[in-house]
Amino acid sequence: MLPSSPSARLQGHSGAIYDAAWCDATGSWCTAGGDGVVATWAPGGDHGKALFHHASPFYAVSTWDGGVVAGNATGEVLGRWGDSHSAKHVHRAPVFSLFADDEGMLWTGDGQGQLNRWKRDENGMQVVNTVSTDLGKIRGISSHPQGLLVAGGQGGWAILSKNGTVLGTRQAHERSCYWAIHLPEKQAVISGGQDGKLVVFRGEERVLELPIHQSAVYRGVRCGDVLWTAGRDKDVKAWDVHTLEPLGKLDRPHARSVNALALGGAAGAQLATGGDDRMLKVWDL
């Protein structure tokens, strides 16, 4: 049974919401906005609190080591841990993706195909290695048994080892590939792209290509046996992760493009959606 209406509607950004994340340390949602604000939203509250202000849009937000990190259009990466604050400008292009790996390191990806791996120490945030790829804009980073899955603006995704070695690539979409997820039970990778399609690879074999949205599929997240997808067509849809049969969609979640999709809340039982209508909505799963 899909939720029929959101349990919370959070407004305050004066620009589009491009990304969202749940912060366990503070028990709150975080959003990255086109208005140059990263905000945190406490449960039960109607108004957000600004964590970062900038003259340029923020495209990505994530949690890392108990704090919140964000990347913006100038290539800056900002982080906050309680009263501690750090800002680093090592990317030469907008930062579109962030990912904290299982070794406690942060990965950031930019618009020129570059990834940086970061550690935290007494001096704040430090880059420990840099990887250059030919994937185009780094749109999404997720986990893979061999290291990382990296989705890019040239339509492909790559498997990277933790030291940054490219172990394999697949050309999945006609245009940008926005995200890719590894399915361990199927030994497969699913991805969504600007072409509106969901594509499944098992090894080097392209086993399925499925049109799932009328235009770009900006986000995909897995919650148990359900895959949630969101797109430019204003829709948020649910799919059986084993069969990829449709389970339905949320009822009119947003008035414009849905850019952000994140799991969180108590036991990960909530889904947050955000978009060009400047609103974050929280749905009880």
Protein backbone atom coordinates (compact mmCIF):
# COMPACT_ATOMS: atom_id res chain seq x y z
CA MET A 1 0.00 0.00 0.00
CA LEU A 2 1.48 3.33 -1.10
CA PRO A 3 0.98 6.45 1.04
CA SER A 4 -1.98 8.51 -0.16
CA SER A 5 -0.70 11.84 1.13
CA PRO A 6 2.46 13.26 2.70
CA SER A 7 2.80 13.45 6.47
CA ALA A 8 4.75 16.72 6.17
CA ARG A 9 5.08 19.55 3.68
CA LEU A 10 8.14 21.68 4.31
CA GLN A 11 8.54 25.06 2.62
CA GLY A 12 11.13 27.78 2.94
CA HIS A 13 13.53 27.55 -0.01
CA SER A 14 13.25 30.34 -2.55
CA GLY A 15 14.66 28.12 -5.28
CA ALA A 16 14.39 24.52 -6.47
CA ILE A 17 15.34 21.68 -4.11
CA TYR A 18 18.00 19.62 -5.86
CA ASP A 19 18.88 17.03 -3.21
CA ALA A 20 17.83 15.74 0.21
CA ALA A 21 19.31 13.52 2.91
CA TRP A 22 18.43 12.22 6.36
CA CYS A 23 20.81 13.00 9.22
CA ASP A 24 20.68 10.36 11.99
CA ALA A 25 22.82 12.47 14.30
CA THR A 26 20.26 15.27 14.45
CA GLY A 27 17.12 13.33 13.52
CA SER A 28 16.31 15.76 10.73
CA TRP A 29 16.07 16.11 6.96
CA CYS A 30 18.58 18.24 5.05
CA THR A 31 18.00 19.89 1.69
CA ALA A 32 20.22 21.47 -0.96
CA GLY A 33 18.65 24.42 -2.75
CA GLY A 34 19.06 26.42 -5.90
CA ASP A 35 18.75 29.49 -3.70
CA GLY A 36 22.24 28.86 -2.30
CA VAL A 37 20.94 27.47 1.00
CA VAL A 38 21.43 24.11 2.68
CA ALA A 39 18.70 23.74 5.29
CA THR A 40 17.88 21.30 8.07
CA TRP A 41 14.30 20.45 8.99
CA ALA A 42 13.53 19.12 12.47
CA PRO A 43 10.60 16.67 12.76
CA GLY A 44 7.36 18.42 13.65
CA GLY A 45 8.66 21.84 12.61
CA ASP A 46 7.30 23.90 9.74
CA HIS A 47 10.41 25.97 9.10
CA GLY A 48 13.93 25.01 8.15
CA LYS A 49 17.17 26.27 9.64
CA ALA A 50 19.96 27.32 7.27
CA LEU A 51 23.23 25.43 7.70
CA PHE A 52 25.05 27.06 4.78
CA HIS A 53 24.50 30.20 2.72
CA HIS A 54 26.18 30.80 -0.63
CA ALA A 55 25.74 33.01 -3.68
CA SER A 56 25.64 29.88 -5.89
CA PRO A 57 23.21 26.94 -5.95
CA PHE A 58 23.81 23.77 -3.95
CA TYR A 59 23.30 20.59 -5.99
CA ALA A 60 24.16 17.87 -3.49
CA VAL A 61 23.84 17.19 0.23
CA SER A 62 24.74 14.15 2.32
CA THR A 63 25.65 13.07 5.83
CA TRP A 64 29.18 12.08 6.78
CA ASP A 65 30.76 11.18 10.10
CA GLY A 66 27.83 12.55 12.08
CA GLY A 67 27.71 15.85 10.20
CA VAL A 68 26.29 17.35 7.01
CA VAL A 69 28.26 17.99 3.81
CA ALA A 70 27.17 19.79 0.65
CA GLY A 71 28.53 20.65 -2.78
CA ASN A 72 27.72 23.71 -4.86
CA ALA A 73 27.95 25.22 -8.34
CA THR A 74 31.38 26.78 -7.75
CA GLY A 75 32.97 23.41 -6.90
CA GLU A 76 33.11 24.07 -3.17
CA VAL A 77 32.50 21.32 -0.62
CA LEU A 78 31.23 22.49 2.77
CA GLY A 79 30.80 20.51 5.98
CA ARG A 80 29.40 21.10 9.45
CA TRP A 81 29.79 18.97 12.57
CA GLY A 82 28.14 20.68 15.53
CA ASP A 83 30.04 23.95 15.93
CA SER A 84 32.84 22.84 13.60
CA HIS A 85 32.72 24.11 10.04
CA SER A 86 34.89 23.41 7.00
CA ALA A 87 34.91 24.71 3.41
CA LYS A 88 37.21 23.41 0.68
CA HIS A 89 37.49 24.51 -2.94
CA VAL A 90 39.35 21.79 -4.84
CA HIS A 91 36.89 21.01 -7.65
CA ARG A 92 37.02 23.17 -10.76
CA ALA A 93 33.42 22.41 -11.75
CA PRO A 94 30.07 22.13 -9.95
CA VAL A 95 29.77 19.30 -7.43
CA PHE A 96 26.75 17.18 -8.33
CA SER A 97 27.19 14.08 -6.15
CA LEU A 98 28.34 13.04 -2.68
CA PHE A 99 28.72 9.58 -1.13
CA ALA A 100 30.09 8.33 2.21
CA ASP A 101 31.60 4.85 1.75
CA ASP A 102 31.74 1.96 4.23
CA GLU A 103 35.28 2.92 5.26
CA GLY A 104 34.16 6.31 6.53
CA MET A 105 35.51 8.25 3.57
CA LEU A 106 33.61 10.83 1.53
CA TRP A 107 33.52 10.85 -2.28
CA THR A 108 32.61 13.96 -4.28
CA GLY A 109 31.98 14.09 -8.02
CA ASP A 110 31.95 17.11 -10.31
CA GLY A 111 30.90 18.36 -13.73
CA GLN A 112 34.22 17.52 -15.40
CA GLY A 113 34.23 13.82 -14.50
CA GLN A 114 36.54 14.20 -11.49
CA LEU A 115 36.09 12.44 -8.17
CA ASN A 116 37.82 13.27 -4.91
CA ARG A 117 38.07 11.00 -1.88
CA TRP A 118 38.17 12.78 1.49
CA LYS A 119 39.06 11.97 5.07
CA ARG A 120 38.41 13.89 8.27
CA ASP A 121 41.20 14.76 10.69
CA GLU A 122 42.14 17.44 13.19
CA ASN A 123 42.55 19.90 10.31
CA GLY A 124 39.04 19.31 8.97
CA MET A 125 38.46 17.76 5.54
CA GLN A 126 41.40 16.59 3.45
CA VAL A 127 41.53 15.07 -0.05
CA VAL A 128 43.41 11.77 -0.05
CA ASN A 129 43.15 10.92 -3.74
CA THR A 130 41.70 12.22 -7.00
CA VAL A 131 40.29 10.22 -9.91
CA SER A 132 39.67 11.57 -13.41
CA THR A 133 37.13 9.77 -15.61
CA ASP A 134 35.63 10.17 -19.08
CA LEU A 135 32.08 9.69 -17.78
CA GLY A 136 31.17 13.37 -18.12
CA LYS A 137 29.34 15.00 -15.22
CA ILE A 138 29.41 12.71 -12.18
CA ARG A 139 25.70 12.47 -11.46
CA GLY A 140 25.55 9.66 -8.92
CA ILE A 141 27.78 7.57 -6.64
CA SER A 142 26.71 4.42 -4.80
CA SER A 143 28.21 1.26 -3.33
CA HIS A 144 29.36 -1.85 -5.19
CA PRO A 145 31.05 -5.03 -3.92
CA GLN A 146 34.21 -4.04 -5.79
CA GLY A 147 34.13 -0.44 -4.61
CA LEU A 148 31.83 2.18 -6.12
CA LEU A 149 29.27 2.62 -8.88
CA VAL A 150 29.61 5.98 -10.61
CA ALA A 151 26.98 7.32 -13.05
CA GLY A 152 27.92 9.96 -15.59
CA GLY A 153 26.66 12.55 -18.02
CA GLN A 154 27.91 10.66 -21.07
CA GLY A 155 25.25 8.00 -20.47
CA GLY A 156 27.41 5.36 -18.86
CA TRP A 157 28.32 4.04 -15.44
CA ALA A 158 31.59 2.65 -14.14
CA ILE A 159 32.78 0.39 -11.35
CA LEU A 160 35.65 1.95 -9.43
CA SER A 161 37.86 0.35 -6.83
CA LYS A 162 38.40 2.24 -3.57
CA ASN A 163 41.80 3.38 -4.81
CA GLY A 164 40.16 4.87 -7.91
CA THR A 165 40.97 2.24 -10.54
CA VAL A 166 38.27 1.90 -13.20
CA LEU A 167 37.33 -1.79 -13.22
CA GLY A 168 34.67 -1.68 -15.91
CA THR A 169 32.23 0.58 -17.73
CA ARG A 170 28.84 0.13 -19.39
CA GLN A 171 27.09 2.46 -21.81
CA ALA A 172 23.56 2.32 -20.45
CA HIS A 173 21.67 5.38 -21.69
CA GLU A 174 21.44 7.53 -24.80
CA ARG A 175 22.12 10.66 -22.76
CA SER A 176 22.95 11.28 -19.10
CA CYS A 177 22.96 8.39 -16.64
CA TYR A 178 21.76 9.93 -13.37
CA TRP A 179 22.10 7.00 -10.95
CA ALA A 180 23.02 3.33 -10.74
CA ILE A 181 22.33 0.75 -8.02
CA HIS A 182 23.82 -2.71 -7.51
CA LEU A 183 21.33 -5.52 -6.79
CA PRO A 184 23.34 -8.22 -4.99
CA GLU A 185 20.63 -10.87 -5.15
CA LYS A 186 20.53 -10.59 -8.94
CA GLN A 187 24.21 -9.79 -9.49
CA ALA A 188 22.97 -6.93 -11.62
CA VAL A 189 23.13 -3.15 -11.90
CA ILE A 190 20.05 -1.02 -12.59
CA SER A 191 20.27 2.59 -13.71
CA GLY A 192 18.07 5.52 -14.72
CA GLY A 193 18.78 8.17 -17.30
CA GLN A 194 17.78 11.25 -19.21
CA ASP A 195 16.09 9.02 -21.79
CA GLY A 196 13.38 8.10 -19.26
CA LYS A 197 14.50 4.48 -19.17
CA LEU A 198 15.46 1.94 -16.55
CA VAL A 199 18.28 -0.28 -17.81
CA VAL A 200 19.52 -3.52 -16.26
CA PHE A 201 22.97 -5.04 -16.83
CA ARG A 202 24.08 -8.44 -15.60
CA GLY A 203 27.80 -8.61 -16.13
CA GLU A 204 28.40 -7.32 -19.65
CA GLU A 205 24.92 -8.31 -20.84
CA ARG A 206 22.18 -5.72 -21.21
CA VAL A 207 19.21 -7.79 -20.02
CA LEU A 208 16.40 -5.21 -19.82
CA GLU A 209 15.49 -1.75 -21.06
CA LEU A 210 12.25 -0.35 -19.72
CA PRO A 211 10.66 3.08 -20.31
CA ILE A 212 9.47 4.12 -16.84
CA HIS A 213 9.09 7.92 -16.96
CA GLN A 214 8.06 10.31 -19.72
CA SER A 215 11.38 12.14 -19.41
CA ALA A 216 14.56 12.12 -17.31
CA VAL A 217 14.70 9.72 -14.34
CA TYR A 218 16.60 11.90 -11.90
CA ARG A 219 16.62 9.62 -8.84
CA GLY A 220 16.32 5.99 -7.82
CA VAL A 221 16.46 4.60 -4.28
CA ARG A 222 15.81 1.14 -2.91
CA CYS A 223 13.72 0.47 0.21
CA GLY A 224 13.57 -3.26 0.89
CA ASP A 225 11.69 -4.91 -1.97
CA VAL A 226 10.64 -1.59 -3.51
CA LEU A 227 12.53 0.62 -5.95
CA TRP A 228 11.40 4.25 -5.93
CA THR A 229 12.07 6.48 -8.93
CA ALA A 230 11.49 10.19 -9.50
CA GLY A 231 11.66 12.28 -12.62
CA ARG A 232 11.22 15.42 -14.58
CA ASP A 233 7.65 14.35 -15.42
CA LYS A 234 6.61 15.25 -11.81
CA ASP A 235 6.04 11.59 -10.90
CA VAL A 236 7.36 9.42 -8.07
CA LYS A 237 6.83 5.73 -8.85
CA ALA A 238 7.26 2.42 -7.02
CA TRP A 239 8.50 -0.82 -8.60
CA ASP A 240 8.96 -4.38 -7.38
CA VAL A 241 12.74 -4.59 -7.18
CA HIS A 242 12.74 -8.31 -8.09
CA THR A 243 10.40 -8.25 -11.09
CA LEU A 244 10.42 -4.49 -11.92
CA GLU A 245 6.65 -4.66 -12.18
CA PRO A 246 4.97 -1.32 -11.36
CA LEU A 247 3.43 -1.02 -7.89
CA GLY A 248 1.89 2.40 -8.41
CA LYS A 249 2.86 6.02 -7.92
CA LEU A 250 2.37 8.79 -5.40
CA ASP A 251 -0.68 10.96 -5.95
CA ARG A 252 0.43 14.30 -7.41
CA PRO A 253 3.59 14.57 -5.30
CA HIS A 254 4.86 17.81 -6.87
CA ALA A 255 3.74 20.50 -9.27
CA ARG A 256 7.04 20.48 -11.16
CA SER A 257 10.12 18.30 -11.71
CA VAL A 258 11.08 15.97 -8.83
CA ASN A 259 14.85 16.29 -8.31
CA ALA A 260 15.37 14.86 -4.81
CA LEU A 261 14.52 11.45 -3.37
CA ALA A 262 15.82 10.14 -0.04
CA LEU A 263 15.03 7.55 2.62
CA GLY A 264 15.16 8.37 6.30
CA GLY A 265 13.16 8.83 9.46
CA ALA A 266 12.87 6.21 12.19
CA ALA A 267 14.17 2.89 10.83
CA GLY A 268 14.28 4.41 7.34
CA ALA A 269 10.48 4.26 7.15
CA GLN A 270 10.00 7.61 5.41
CA LEU A 271 10.57 8.86 1.89
CA ALA A 272 11.39 12.51 1.20
CA THR A 273 10.75 14.10 -2.19
CA GLY A 274 11.76 17.57 -3.34
CA GLY A 275 11.61 19.48 -6.57
CA ASP A 276 11.40 22.60 -8.65
CA ASP A 277 8.27 23.65 -6.73
CA ARG A 278 10.61 24.46 -3.77
CA MET A 279 8.84 22.05 -1.45
CA LEU A 280 10.06 19.02 0.51
CA LYS A 281 7.40 16.41 1.19
CA VAL A 282 7.77 13.50 3.61
CA TRP A 283 5.83 10.27 3.04
CA ASP A 284 5.33 7.48 5.61
CA LEU A 285 6.06 4.13 3.97
